[in-house]
Amino acid sequence: MIELAGEKLSATIDPFGAELTSLRDAEGRELMTDADPAYWTGHAPLLFPIVGRLNGDVLRVDGREHAMKQHGFARRMDWDVVGAGEDAVTLRLTDTVETRAAWPFGFDIAILYAIDGATLSCVVRVINTGDTPMPMSFGFHPAFAWPLPYGRPRAAHRIRFDKAEADTVVRLDGGLFAGERPSPMAGQELPLADALFDRDALIWSPVASQSVLYGAADGPQLRIDFPGAPDLGLWTKPGAAFVCIEPWWGHADPAGFDGDIWAKPGIVRIEPGDERSFKMHVTLVD
């Protein structure tokens, strides 16, 4: 495990999956999931090279089929530590014979975790190291403590969006996009309750906001900034002590989709030798 420490935050990073497993305030109070195995043992997996589920868990590229599990393979691989300091670390993953069997593209992906005051920045860059255009998606999947450790009850927590959103969210069927359903949000604010997640995640695609504020209105809160992200998912399992706030660049297949990856909605295209960046910033607002 890699430990980072700053003036107002500290964090733990697991090189397996390059996953943020702990984020604590200056008093050592945990701001992330308890990873109770009765609900979910993840903390903040990185979603690459796909986000969400493929129809039949099958990826189709240039007439060939490849098995690909939900959210891709990067979260289940060991990343290399290529630079580490007291308050920042960079981890890197490149393609292998095994990844090319499932994802026939050359890539170099790195993530920088850096603490500056009350903010943890997570900056990802993806380079296409192959000689053909590369289709891909990327997503963050952090699970924050619900309730946050400041004495407010779960029912007092809410998520406030920085912009007005559509009055519908995505309807899911077996993890696939299957139309729309009414949004449970009141104005720009979503009061949190277990019942919101009885039908799986809440997904805004597209999302207008580029920042949300999470917590009880009368206590310390977390601001999650995700500049440029076109999609946002919220997810938990009813009764669990976490809520995931997930900025995405890409999403699950539409129900019944059986086309080539290039025809999949939400795909990011990277030309040979080019790169793309994806950013999320988590700030403790006291």
C-alpha atoms as a PDB file:
ATOM      1  CA  MET A   1       0.000   0.000   0.000  1.00  0.00           C
ATOM      2  CA  ILE A   2       1.124   3.547  -0.769  1.00  0.00           C
ATOM      3  CA  GLU A   3       0.462   6.219   1.842  1.00  0.00           C
ATOM      4  CA  LEU A   4       0.032   9.889   0.938  1.00  0.00           C
ATOM      5  CA  ALA A   5      -0.197  12.689   3.491  1.00  0.00           C
ATOM      6  CA  GLY A   6      -1.011  16.356   3.257  1.00  0.00           C
ATOM      7  CA  GLU A   7      -2.046  19.126   5.616  1.00  0.00           C
ATOM      8  CA  LYS A   8      -5.774  18.333   5.611  1.00  0.00           C
ATOM      9  CA  LEU A   9      -6.087  14.900   3.956  1.00  0.00           C
ATOM     10  CA  SER A  10      -4.298  11.571   3.829  1.00  0.00           C
ATOM     11  CA  ALA A  11      -4.877   8.697   1.429  1.00  0.00           C
ATOM     12  CA  THR A  12      -3.975   5.068   0.779  1.00  0.00           C
ATOM     13  CA  ILE A  13      -3.452   3.679  -2.730  1.00  0.00           C
ATOM     14  CA  ASP A  14      -3.330  -0.033  -3.600  1.00  0.00           C
ATOM     15  CA  PRO A  15      -1.082  -0.798  -6.618  1.00  0.00           C
ATOM     16  CA  PHE A  16      -3.470  -3.635  -7.477  1.00  0.00           C
ATOM     17  CA  GLY A  17      -5.878  -1.747  -9.685  1.00  0.00           C
ATOM     18  CA  ALA A  18      -4.194   1.569  -8.746  1.00  0.00           C
ATOM     19  CA  GLU A  19      -7.183   1.862  -6.412  1.00  0.00           C
ATOM     20  CA  LEU A  20      -7.784   4.562  -3.823  1.00  0.00           C
ATOM     21  CA  THR A  21      -8.729   2.532  -0.732  1.00  0.00           C
ATOM     22  CA  SER A  22      -8.823   5.200   1.979  1.00  0.00           C
ATOM     23  CA  LEU A  23      -9.266   8.955   2.249  1.00  0.00           C
ATOM     24  CA  ARG A  24      -9.054  10.500   5.723  1.00  0.00           C
ATOM     25  CA  ASP A  25      -9.370  13.989   7.158  1.00  0.00           C
ATOM     26  CA  ALA A  26      -6.799  15.671   9.411  1.00  0.00           C
ATOM     27  CA  GLU A  27      -8.209  13.867  12.460  1.00  0.00           C
ATOM     28  CA  GLY A  28      -7.963  10.487  10.739  1.00  0.00           C
ATOM     29  CA  ARG A  29     -11.712  10.096  10.150  1.00  0.00           C
ATOM     30  CA  GLU A  30     -12.465   7.832   7.175  1.00  0.00           C
ATOM     31  CA  LEU A  31     -14.307   9.455   4.276  1.00  0.00           C
ATOM     32  CA  MET A  32     -14.668   6.311   2.174  1.00  0.00           C
ATOM     33  CA  THR A  33     -16.517   2.983   2.276  1.00  0.00           C
ATOM     34  CA  ASP A  34     -16.059   0.427   5.023  1.00  0.00           C
ATOM     35  CA  ALA A  35     -15.910  -2.249   2.261  1.00  0.00           C
ATOM     36  CA  ASP A  36     -18.287  -4.519   4.170  1.00  0.00           C
ATOM     37  CA  PRO A  37     -18.238  -7.817   2.215  1.00  0.00           C
ATOM     38  CA  ALA A  38     -21.962  -8.207   2.854  1.00  0.00           C
ATOM     39  CA  TYR A  39     -22.461  -5.414   0.305  1.00  0.00           C
ATOM     40  CA  TRP A  40     -19.370  -4.645  -1.801  1.00  0.00           C
ATOM     41  CA  THR A  41     -15.628  -4.947  -1.204  1.00  0.00           C
ATOM     42  CA  GLY A  42     -14.591  -2.299  -3.723  1.00  0.00           C
ATOM     43  CA  HIS A  43     -13.341   1.153  -2.786  1.00  0.00           C
ATOM     44  CA  ALA A  44     -12.709   3.179  -5.938  1.00  0.00           C
ATOM     45  CA  PRO A  45     -11.929   0.967  -8.947  1.00  0.00           C
ATOM     46  CA  LEU A  46     -10.736   2.534 -12.181  1.00  0.00           C
ATOM     47  CA  LEU A  47     -12.949   1.582 -15.130  1.00  0.00           C
ATOM     48  CA  PHE A  48     -10.945   0.894 -18.314  1.00  0.00           C
ATOM     49  CA  PRO A  49     -11.159   0.176 -21.229  1.00  0.00           C
ATOM     50  CA  ILE A  50     -14.958   0.013 -20.881  1.00  0.00           C
ATOM     51  CA  VAL A  51     -17.494   1.454 -18.449  1.00  0.00           C
ATOM     52  CA  GLY A  52     -20.483  -0.625 -17.416  1.00  0.00           C
ATOM     53  CA  ARG A  53     -21.607  -3.876 -18.985  1.00  0.00           C
ATOM     54  CA  LEU A  54     -21.399  -5.088 -22.566  1.00  0.00           C
ATOM     55  CA  ASN A  55     -24.353  -6.999 -23.984  1.00  0.00           C
ATOM     56  CA  GLY A  56     -23.556 -10.645 -23.234  1.00  0.00           C
ATOM     57  CA  ASP A  57     -20.169  -9.506 -21.857  1.00  0.00           C
ATOM     58  CA  VAL A  58     -18.931  -9.633 -25.457  1.00  0.00           C
ATOM     59  CA  LEU A  59     -16.746  -7.008 -27.151  1.00  0.00           C
ATOM     60  CA  ARG A  60     -16.908  -6.924 -30.946  1.00  0.00           C
ATOM     61  CA  VAL A  61     -14.003  -5.416 -32.856  1.00  0.00           C
ATOM     62  CA  ASP A  62     -13.571  -5.678 -36.635  1.00  0.00           C
ATOM     63  CA  GLY A  63     -15.707  -8.782 -36.893  1.00  0.00           C
ATOM     64  CA  ARG A  64     -14.079 -10.606 -33.969  1.00  0.00           C
ATOM     65  CA  GLU A  65     -15.570 -11.273 -30.541  1.00  0.00           C
ATOM     66  CA  HIS A  66     -13.712 -10.943 -27.241  1.00  0.00           C
ATOM     67  CA  ALA A  67     -14.924 -11.725 -23.722  1.00  0.00           C
ATOM     68  CA  MET A  68     -14.949  -8.595 -21.560  1.00  0.00           C
ATOM     69  CA  LYS A  69     -16.360  -8.372 -18.037  1.00  0.00           C
ATOM     70  CA  GLN A  70     -18.155  -5.340 -16.623  1.00  0.00           C
ATOM     71  CA  HIS A  71     -15.966  -2.244 -16.216  1.00  0.00           C
ATOM     72  CA  GLY A  72     -12.962  -3.795 -17.990  1.00  0.00           C
ATOM     73  CA  PHE A  73      -9.713  -5.314 -16.757  1.00  0.00           C
ATOM     74  CA  ALA A  74      -7.585  -2.447 -15.385  1.00  0.00           C
ATOM     75  CA  ARG A  75      -9.113  -2.776 -11.910  1.00  0.00           C
ATOM     76  CA  ARG A  76      -7.896  -6.380 -11.691  1.00  0.00           C
ATOM     77  CA  MET A  77      -4.264  -5.815 -12.648  1.00  0.00           C
ATOM     78  CA  ASP A  78      -1.071  -4.805 -10.874  1.00  0.00           C
ATOM     79  CA  TRP A  79       0.053  -1.295 -11.826  1.00  0.00           C
ATOM     80  CA  ASP A  80       3.653  -0.096 -11.678  1.00  0.00           C
ATOM     81  CA  VAL A  81       4.623   2.721  -9.335  1.00  0.00           C
ATOM     82  CA  VAL A  82       6.638   5.126 -11.481  1.00  0.00           C
ATOM     83  CA  GLY A  83       6.936   8.102  -9.144  1.00  0.00           C
ATOM     84  CA  ALA A  84       6.105   8.595  -5.474  1.00  0.00           C
ATOM     85  CA  GLY A  85       6.476  11.385  -2.939  1.00  0.00           C
ATOM     86  CA  GLU A  86       4.981  12.344   0.392  1.00  0.00           C
ATOM     87  CA  ASP A  87       1.804  13.823  -1.078  1.00  0.00           C
ATOM     88  CA  ALA A  88       1.659  12.387  -4.631  1.00  0.00           C
ATOM     89  CA  VAL A  89       2.146   9.151  -6.546  1.00  0.00           C
ATOM     90  CA  THR A  90       1.927   8.081 -10.194  1.00  0.00           C
ATOM     91  CA  LEU A  91       1.017   4.533 -11.262  1.00  0.00           C
ATOM     92  CA  ARG A  92       1.138   3.110 -14.769  1.00  0.00           C
ATOM     93  CA  LEU A  93      -0.303   0.199 -16.745  1.00  0.00           C
ATOM     94  CA  THR A  94       0.574  -0.887 -20.297  1.00  0.00           C
ATOM     95  CA  ASP A  95      -0.831  -3.535 -22.596  1.00  0.00           C
ATOM     96  CA  THR A  96       0.299  -7.158 -22.383  1.00  0.00           C
ATOM     97  CA  VAL A  97      -0.260 -10.356 -24.336  1.00  0.00           C
ATOM     98  CA  GLU A  98      -3.182 -11.083 -21.990  1.00  0.00           C
ATOM     99  CA  THR A  99      -4.834  -7.662 -22.395  1.00  0.00           C
ATOM    100  CA  ARG A 100      -4.467  -7.753 -26.180  1.00  0.00           C
ATOM    101  CA  ALA A 101      -6.337 -11.064 -26.253  1.00  0.00           C
ATOM    102  CA  ALA A 102      -9.355  -9.246 -24.786  1.00  0.00           C
ATOM    103  CA  TRP A 103      -8.664  -5.724 -26.058  1.00  0.00           C
ATOM    104  CA  PRO A 104      -6.639  -5.726 -29.291  1.00  0.00           C
ATOM    105  CA  PHE A 105      -5.059  -2.306 -28.820  1.00  0.00           C
ATOM    106  CA  GLY A 106      -1.779  -0.933 -27.510  1.00  0.00           C
ATOM    107  CA  PHE A 107      -2.141   1.498 -24.622  1.00  0.00           C
ATOM    108  CA  ASP A 108      -0.277   3.286 -21.855  1.00  0.00           C
ATOM    109  CA  ILE A 109      -2.464   4.510 -19.002  1.00  0.00           C
ATOM    110  CA  ALA A 110      -1.207   6.383 -15.935  1.00  0.00           C
ATOM    111  CA  ILE A 111      -2.891   7.958 -12.935  1.00  0.00           C
ATOM    112  CA  LEU A 112      -1.544  10.709 -10.701  1.00  0.00           C
ATOM    113  CA  TYR A 113      -2.959  10.960  -7.178  1.00  0.00           C
ATOM    114  CA  ALA A 114      -1.953  14.240  -5.510  1.00  0.00           C
ATOM    115  CA  ILE A 115      -3.029  15.936  -2.266  1.00  0.00           C
ATOM    116  CA  ASP A 116      -3.030  19.728  -2.117  1.00  0.00           C
ATOM    117  CA  GLY A 117      -4.588  21.189   1.025  1.00  0.00           C
ATOM    118  CA  ALA A 118      -8.129  19.814   1.339  1.00  0.00           C
ATOM    119  CA  THR A 119      -8.193  18.402  -2.222  1.00  0.00           C
ATOM    120  CA  LEU A 120      -7.253  15.015  -3.618  1.00  0.00           C
ATOM    121  CA  SER A 121      -6.741  15.217  -7.382  1.00  0.00           C
ATOM    122  CA  CYS A 122      -6.960  12.122  -9.576  1.00  0.00           C
ATOM    123  CA  VAL A 123      -5.621  12.739 -13.069  1.00  0.00           C
ATOM    124  CA  VAL A 124      -5.581   9.968 -15.679  1.00  0.00           C
ATOM    125  CA  ARG A 125      -3.943  10.084 -19.077  1.00  0.00           C
ATOM    126  CA  VAL A 126      -4.353   7.409 -21.745  1.00  0.00           C
ATOM    127  CA  ILE A 127      -1.978   7.120 -24.730  1.00  0.00           C
ATOM    128  CA  ASN A 128      -2.705   5.068 -27.816  1.00  0.00           C
ATOM    129  CA  THR A 129       0.614   3.293 -28.414  1.00  0.00           C
ATOM    130  CA  GLY A 130      -0.696   1.296 -31.368  1.00  0.00           C
ATOM    131  CA  ASP A 131      -0.813   2.117 -35.069  1.00  0.00           C
ATOM    132  CA  THR A 132      -4.603   2.223 -35.465  1.00  0.00           C
ATOM    133  CA  PRO A 133      -7.285   4.397 -33.810  1.00  0.00           C
ATOM    134  CA  MET A 134      -8.302   3.117 -30.376  1.00  0.00           C
ATOM    135  CA  PRO A 135     -11.885   3.144 -29.035  1.00  0.00           C
ATOM    136  CA  MET A 136     -12.169   3.280 -25.258  1.00  0.00           C
ATOM    137  CA  SER A 137     -14.091   4.505 -22.239  1.00  0.00           C
ATOM    138  CA  PHE A 138     -12.944   5.510 -18.765  1.00  0.00           C
ATOM    139  CA  GLY A 139     -14.671   5.983 -15.443  1.00  0.00           C
ATOM    140  CA  PHE A 140     -14.015   6.778 -11.785  1.00  0.00           C
ATOM    141  CA  HIS A 141     -15.964   4.720  -9.214  1.00  0.00           C
ATOM    142  CA  PRO A 142     -15.240   6.138  -5.699  1.00  0.00           C
ATOM    143  CA  ALA A 143     -17.404   4.924  -2.804  1.00  0.00           C
ATOM    144  CA  PHE A 144     -17.767   7.580  -0.101  1.00  0.00           C
ATOM    145  CA  ALA A 145     -18.873   6.919   3.451  1.00  0.00           C
ATOM    146  CA  TRP A 146     -22.615   7.247   3.976  1.00  0.00           C
ATOM    147  CA  PRO A 147     -22.976   8.763   6.491  1.00  0.00           C
ATOM    148  CA  LEU A 148     -19.827  10.862   6.559  1.00  0.00           C
ATOM    149  CA  PRO A 149     -18.074  10.687   9.972  1.00  0.00           C
ATOM    150  CA  TYR A 150     -19.423  13.971  11.345  1.00  0.00           C
ATOM    151  CA  GLY A 151     -22.378  12.883  13.453  1.00  0.00           C
ATOM    152  CA  ARG A 152     -25.165  13.607  10.978  1.00  0.00           C
ATOM    153  CA  PRO A 153     -27.645  10.782  10.234  1.00  0.00           C
ATOM    154  CA  ARG A 154     -27.785   9.019   6.869  1.00  0.00           C
ATOM    155  CA  ALA A 155     -31.178  10.586   6.160  1.00  0.00           C
ATOM    156  CA  ALA A 156     -29.674  14.097   6.398  1.00  0.00           C
ATOM    157  CA  HIS A 157     -27.262  13.457   3.525  1.00  0.00           C
ATOM    158  CA  ARG A 158     -27.939  14.716   0.030  1.00  0.00           C
ATOM    159  CA  ILE A 159     -26.172  15.327  -3.253  1.00  0.00           C
ATOM    160  CA  ARG A 160     -26.458  18.804  -4.722  1.00  0.00           C
ATOM    161  CA  PHE A 161     -25.722  19.218  -8.435  1.00  0.00           C
ATOM    162  CA  ASP A 162     -24.152  22.447  -9.660  1.00  0.00           C
ATOM    163  CA  LYS A 163     -26.599  22.699 -12.593  1.00  0.00           C
ATOM    164  CA  ALA A 164     -30.194  21.790 -13.310  1.00  0.00           C
ATOM    165  CA  GLU A 165     -30.526  18.284 -14.784  1.00  0.00           C
ATOM    166  CA  ALA A 166     -33.047  16.558 -17.027  1.00  0.00           C
ATOM    167  CA  ASP A 167     -36.248  15.244 -15.459  1.00  0.00           C
ATOM    168  CA  THR A 168     -35.371  11.657 -16.462  1.00  0.00           C
ATOM    169  CA  VAL A 169     -32.556   9.225 -15.659  1.00  0.00           C
ATOM    170  CA  VAL A 170     -31.475   6.074 -17.477  1.00  0.00           C
ATOM    171  CA  ARG A 171     -33.523   2.915 -16.970  1.00  0.00           C
ATOM    172  CA  LEU A 172     -31.341  -0.166 -16.595  1.00  0.00           C
ATOM    173  CA  ASP A 173     -32.204  -3.730 -17.567  1.00  0.00           C
ATOM    174  CA  GLY A 174     -29.579  -6.273 -16.547  1.00  0.00           C
ATOM    175  CA  GLY A 175     -26.997  -3.495 -16.373  1.00  0.00           C
ATOM    176  CA  LEU A 176     -27.767  -2.302 -19.933  1.00  0.00           C
ATOM    177  CA  PHE A 177     -29.309   1.009 -20.996  1.00  0.00           C
ATOM    178  CA  ALA A 178     -33.004   0.386 -21.666  1.00  0.00           C
ATOM    179  CA  GLY A 179     -34.694   3.757 -22.005  1.00  0.00           C
ATOM    180  CA  GLU A 180     -35.606   6.353 -19.399  1.00  0.00           C
ATOM    181  CA  ARG A 181     -37.476   6.697 -16.136  1.00  0.00           C
ATOM    182  CA  PRO A 182     -38.475   9.746 -14.059  1.00  0.00           C
ATOM    183  CA  SER A 183     -35.700  11.433 -12.108  1.00  0.00           C
ATOM    184  CA  PRO A 184     -36.130  11.423  -8.307  1.00  0.00           C
ATOM    185  CA  MET A 185     -34.253  14.709  -7.950  1.00  0.00           C
ATOM    186  CA  ALA A 186     -35.969  17.764  -6.474  1.00  0.00           C
ATOM    187  CA  GLY A 187     -34.561  20.805  -8.261  1.00  0.00           C
ATOM    188  CA  GLN A 188     -30.775  20.481  -8.153  1.00  0.00           C
ATOM    189  CA  GLU A 189     -30.785  18.427  -4.957  1.00  0.00           C
ATOM    190  CA  LEU A 190     -31.116  14.683  -4.413  1.00  0.00           C
ATOM    191  CA  PRO A 191     -31.983  13.700  -0.814  1.00  0.00           C
ATOM    192  CA  LEU A 192     -30.380  10.284  -0.297  1.00  0.00           C
ATOM    193  CA  ALA A 193     -32.426   7.243   0.699  1.00  0.00           C
ATOM    194  CA  ASP A 194     -31.933   3.509   0.210  1.00  0.00           C
ATOM    195  CA  ALA A 195     -35.125   3.238  -1.839  1.00  0.00           C
ATOM    196  CA  LEU A 196     -33.563   5.343  -4.608  1.00  0.00           C
ATOM    197  CA  PHE A 197     -31.388   2.365  -5.510  1.00  0.00           C
ATOM    198  CA  ASP A 198     -33.986  -0.403  -5.462  1.00  0.00           C
ATOM    199  CA  ARG A 199     -33.805  -0.459  -9.279  1.00  0.00           C
ATOM    200  CA  ASP A 200     -30.004  -0.253  -9.536  1.00  0.00           C
ATOM    201  CA  ALA A 201     -27.948   2.868 -10.202  1.00  0.00           C
ATOM    202  CA  LEU A 202     -29.135   6.382 -11.001  1.00  0.00           C
ATOM    203  CA  ILE A 203     -27.490   7.551 -14.221  1.00  0.00           C
ATOM    204  CA  TRP A 204     -27.527  10.915 -15.943  1.00  0.00           C
ATOM    205  CA  SER A 205     -26.496  10.541 -19.590  1.00  0.00           C
ATOM    206  CA  PRO A 206     -25.680  13.217 -20.465  1.00  0.00           C
ATOM    207  CA  VAL A 207     -25.062  15.081 -17.204  1.00  0.00           C
ATOM    208  CA  ALA A 208     -25.064  18.889 -17.303  1.00  0.00           C
ATOM    209  CA  SER A 209     -23.240  19.343 -13.991  1.00  0.00           C
ATOM    210  CA  GLN A 210     -19.472  19.217 -13.653  1.00  0.00           C
ATOM    211  CA  SER A 211     -19.489  19.204  -9.849  1.00  0.00           C
ATOM    212  CA  VAL A 212     -21.619  17.890  -6.997  1.00  0.00           C
ATOM    213  CA  LEU A 213     -21.633  18.530  -3.257  1.00  0.00           C
ATOM    214  CA  TYR A 214     -22.216  15.503  -1.005  1.00  0.00           C
ATOM    215  CA  GLY A 215     -23.064  15.398   2.700  1.00  0.00           C
ATOM    216  CA  ALA A 216     -25.402  16.897   5.276  1.00  0.00           C
ATOM    217  CA  ALA A 217     -26.164  20.567   4.652  1.00  0.00           C
ATOM    218  CA  ASP A 218     -25.158  21.573   8.200  1.00  0.00           C
ATOM    219  CA  GLY A 219     -21.849  19.666   8.365  1.00  0.00           C
ATOM    220  CA  PRO A 220     -18.580  19.083   6.518  1.00  0.00           C
ATOM    221  CA  GLN A 221     -19.176  17.924   2.940  1.00  0.00           C
ATOM    222  CA  LEU A 222     -17.289  16.558  -0.045  1.00  0.00           C
ATOM    223  CA  ARG A 223     -17.205  18.406  -3.346  1.00  0.00           C
ATOM    224  CA  ILE A 224     -16.525  16.143  -6.303  1.00  0.00           C
ATOM    225  CA  ASP A 225     -15.438  17.954  -9.479  1.00  0.00           C
ATOM    226  CA  PHE A 226     -15.330  16.071 -12.790  1.00  0.00           C
ATOM    227  CA  PRO A 227     -14.525  18.532 -15.605  1.00  0.00           C
ATOM    228  CA  GLY A 228     -15.608  17.334 -19.025  1.00  0.00           C
ATOM    229  CA  ALA A 229     -17.334  14.128 -17.931  1.00  0.00           C
ATOM    230  CA  PRO A 230     -20.433  13.500 -20.097  1.00  0.00           C
ATOM    231  CA  ASP A 231     -22.060  10.943 -17.783  1.00  0.00           C
ATOM    232  CA  LEU A 232     -22.574  10.498 -14.037  1.00  0.00           C
ATOM    233  CA  GLY A 233     -23.707   7.462 -12.085  1.00  0.00           C
ATOM    234  CA  LEU A 234     -24.779   7.164  -8.450  1.00  0.00           C
ATOM    235  CA  TRP A 235     -24.895   3.709  -6.895  1.00  0.00           C
ATOM    236  CA  THR A 236     -25.101   1.796  -3.660  1.00  0.00           C
ATOM    237  CA  LYS A 237     -26.756  -1.308  -2.295  1.00  0.00           C
ATOM    238  CA  PRO A 238     -29.636  -0.527   0.087  1.00  0.00           C
ATOM    239  CA  GLY A 239     -28.364  -0.626   3.658  1.00  0.00           C
ATOM    240  CA  ALA A 240     -24.688  -0.254   2.743  1.00  0.00           C
ATOM    241  CA  ALA A 241     -22.495   2.382   4.403  1.00  0.00           C
ATOM    242  CA  PHE A 242     -21.386   4.007   1.147  1.00  0.00           C
ATOM    243  CA  VAL A 243     -22.604   5.864  -1.907  1.00  0.00           C
ATOM    244  CA  CYS A 244     -20.655   5.854  -5.175  1.00  0.00           C
ATOM    245  CA  ILE A 245     -20.396   9.091  -7.154  1.00  0.00           C
ATOM    246  CA  GLU A 246     -19.062   8.032 -10.565  1.00  0.00           C
ATOM    247  CA  PRO A 247     -17.969  10.389 -13.370  1.00  0.00           C
ATOM    248  CA  TRP A 248     -17.789   8.510 -16.684  1.00  0.00           C
ATOM    249  CA  TRP A 249     -16.533   9.044 -20.204  1.00  0.00           C
ATOM    250  CA  GLY A 250     -18.644   6.255 -21.727  1.00  0.00           C
ATOM    251  CA  HIS A 251     -21.281   3.881 -20.422  1.00  0.00           C
ATOM    252  CA  ALA A 252     -22.937   0.453 -20.737  1.00  0.00           C
ATOM    253  CA  ASP A 253     -24.296  -0.987 -23.977  1.00  0.00           C
ATOM    254  CA  PRO A 254     -27.887  -0.268 -24.964  1.00  0.00           C
ATOM    255  CA  ALA A 255     -30.085  -3.341 -24.434  1.00  0.00           C
ATOM    256  CA  GLY A 256     -29.873  -5.585 -27.487  1.00  0.00           C
ATOM    257  CA  PHE A 257     -26.786  -3.897 -28.910  1.00  0.00           C
ATOM    258  CA  ASP A 258     -24.682  -6.337 -30.948  1.00  0.00           C
ATOM    259  CA  GLY A 259     -22.628  -3.969 -33.081  1.00  0.00           C
ATOM    260  CA  ASP A 260     -18.939  -3.192 -33.379  1.00  0.00           C
ATOM    261  CA  ILE A 261     -17.305  -1.230 -30.556  1.00  0.00           C
ATOM    262  CA  TRP A 262     -17.055   1.796 -32.867  1.00  0.00           C
ATOM    263  CA  ALA A 263     -20.855   1.897 -33.091  1.00  0.00           C
ATOM    264  CA  LYS A 264     -21.301   1.793 -29.313  1.00  0.00           C
ATOM    265  CA  PRO A 265     -22.672   5.100 -27.912  1.00  0.00           C
ATOM    266  CA  GLY A 266     -20.260   7.108 -25.785  1.00  0.00           C
ATOM    267  CA  ILE A 267     -16.995   5.736 -27.149  1.00  0.00           C
ATOM    268  CA  VAL A 268     -13.876   7.937 -26.938  1.00  0.00           C
ATOM    269  CA  ARG A 269     -11.598   7.817 -30.007  1.00  0.00           C
ATOM    270  CA  ILE A 270      -7.826   8.207 -29.631  1.00  0.00           C
ATOM    271  CA  GLU A 271      -5.663   8.393 -32.728  1.00  0.00           C
ATOM    272  CA  PRO A 272      -2.276   6.593 -32.850  1.00  0.00           C
ATOM    273  CA  GLY A 273       0.249   8.425 -30.678  1.00  0.00           C
ATOM    274  CA  ASP A 274      -2.383  10.737 -29.215  1.00  0.00           C
ATOM    275  CA  GLU A 275      -3.566  10.910 -25.618  1.00  0.00           C
ATOM    276  CA  ARG A 276      -6.639  11.866 -23.601  1.00  0.00           C
ATOM    277  CA  SER A 277      -6.919  13.028 -19.992  1.00  0.00           C
ATOM    278  CA  PHE A 278      -9.678  12.408 -17.440  1.00  0.00           C
ATOM    279  CA  LYS A 279      -9.853  14.227 -14.106  1.00  0.00           C
ATOM    280  CA  MET A 280     -11.662  14.064 -10.780  1.00  0.00           C
ATOM    281  CA  HIS A 281     -11.017  16.246  -7.730  1.00  0.00           C
ATOM    282  CA  VAL A 282     -12.353  15.468  -4.248  1.00  0.00           C
ATOM    283  CA  THR A 283     -12.358  18.383  -1.788  1.00  0.00           C
ATOM    284  CA  LEU A 284     -13.325  18.345   1.883  1.00  0.00           C
ATOM    285  CA  VAL A 285     -15.470  21.444   2.439  1.00  0.00           C
ATOM    286  CA  ASP A 286     -15.552  22.272   6.135  1.00  0.00           C
END
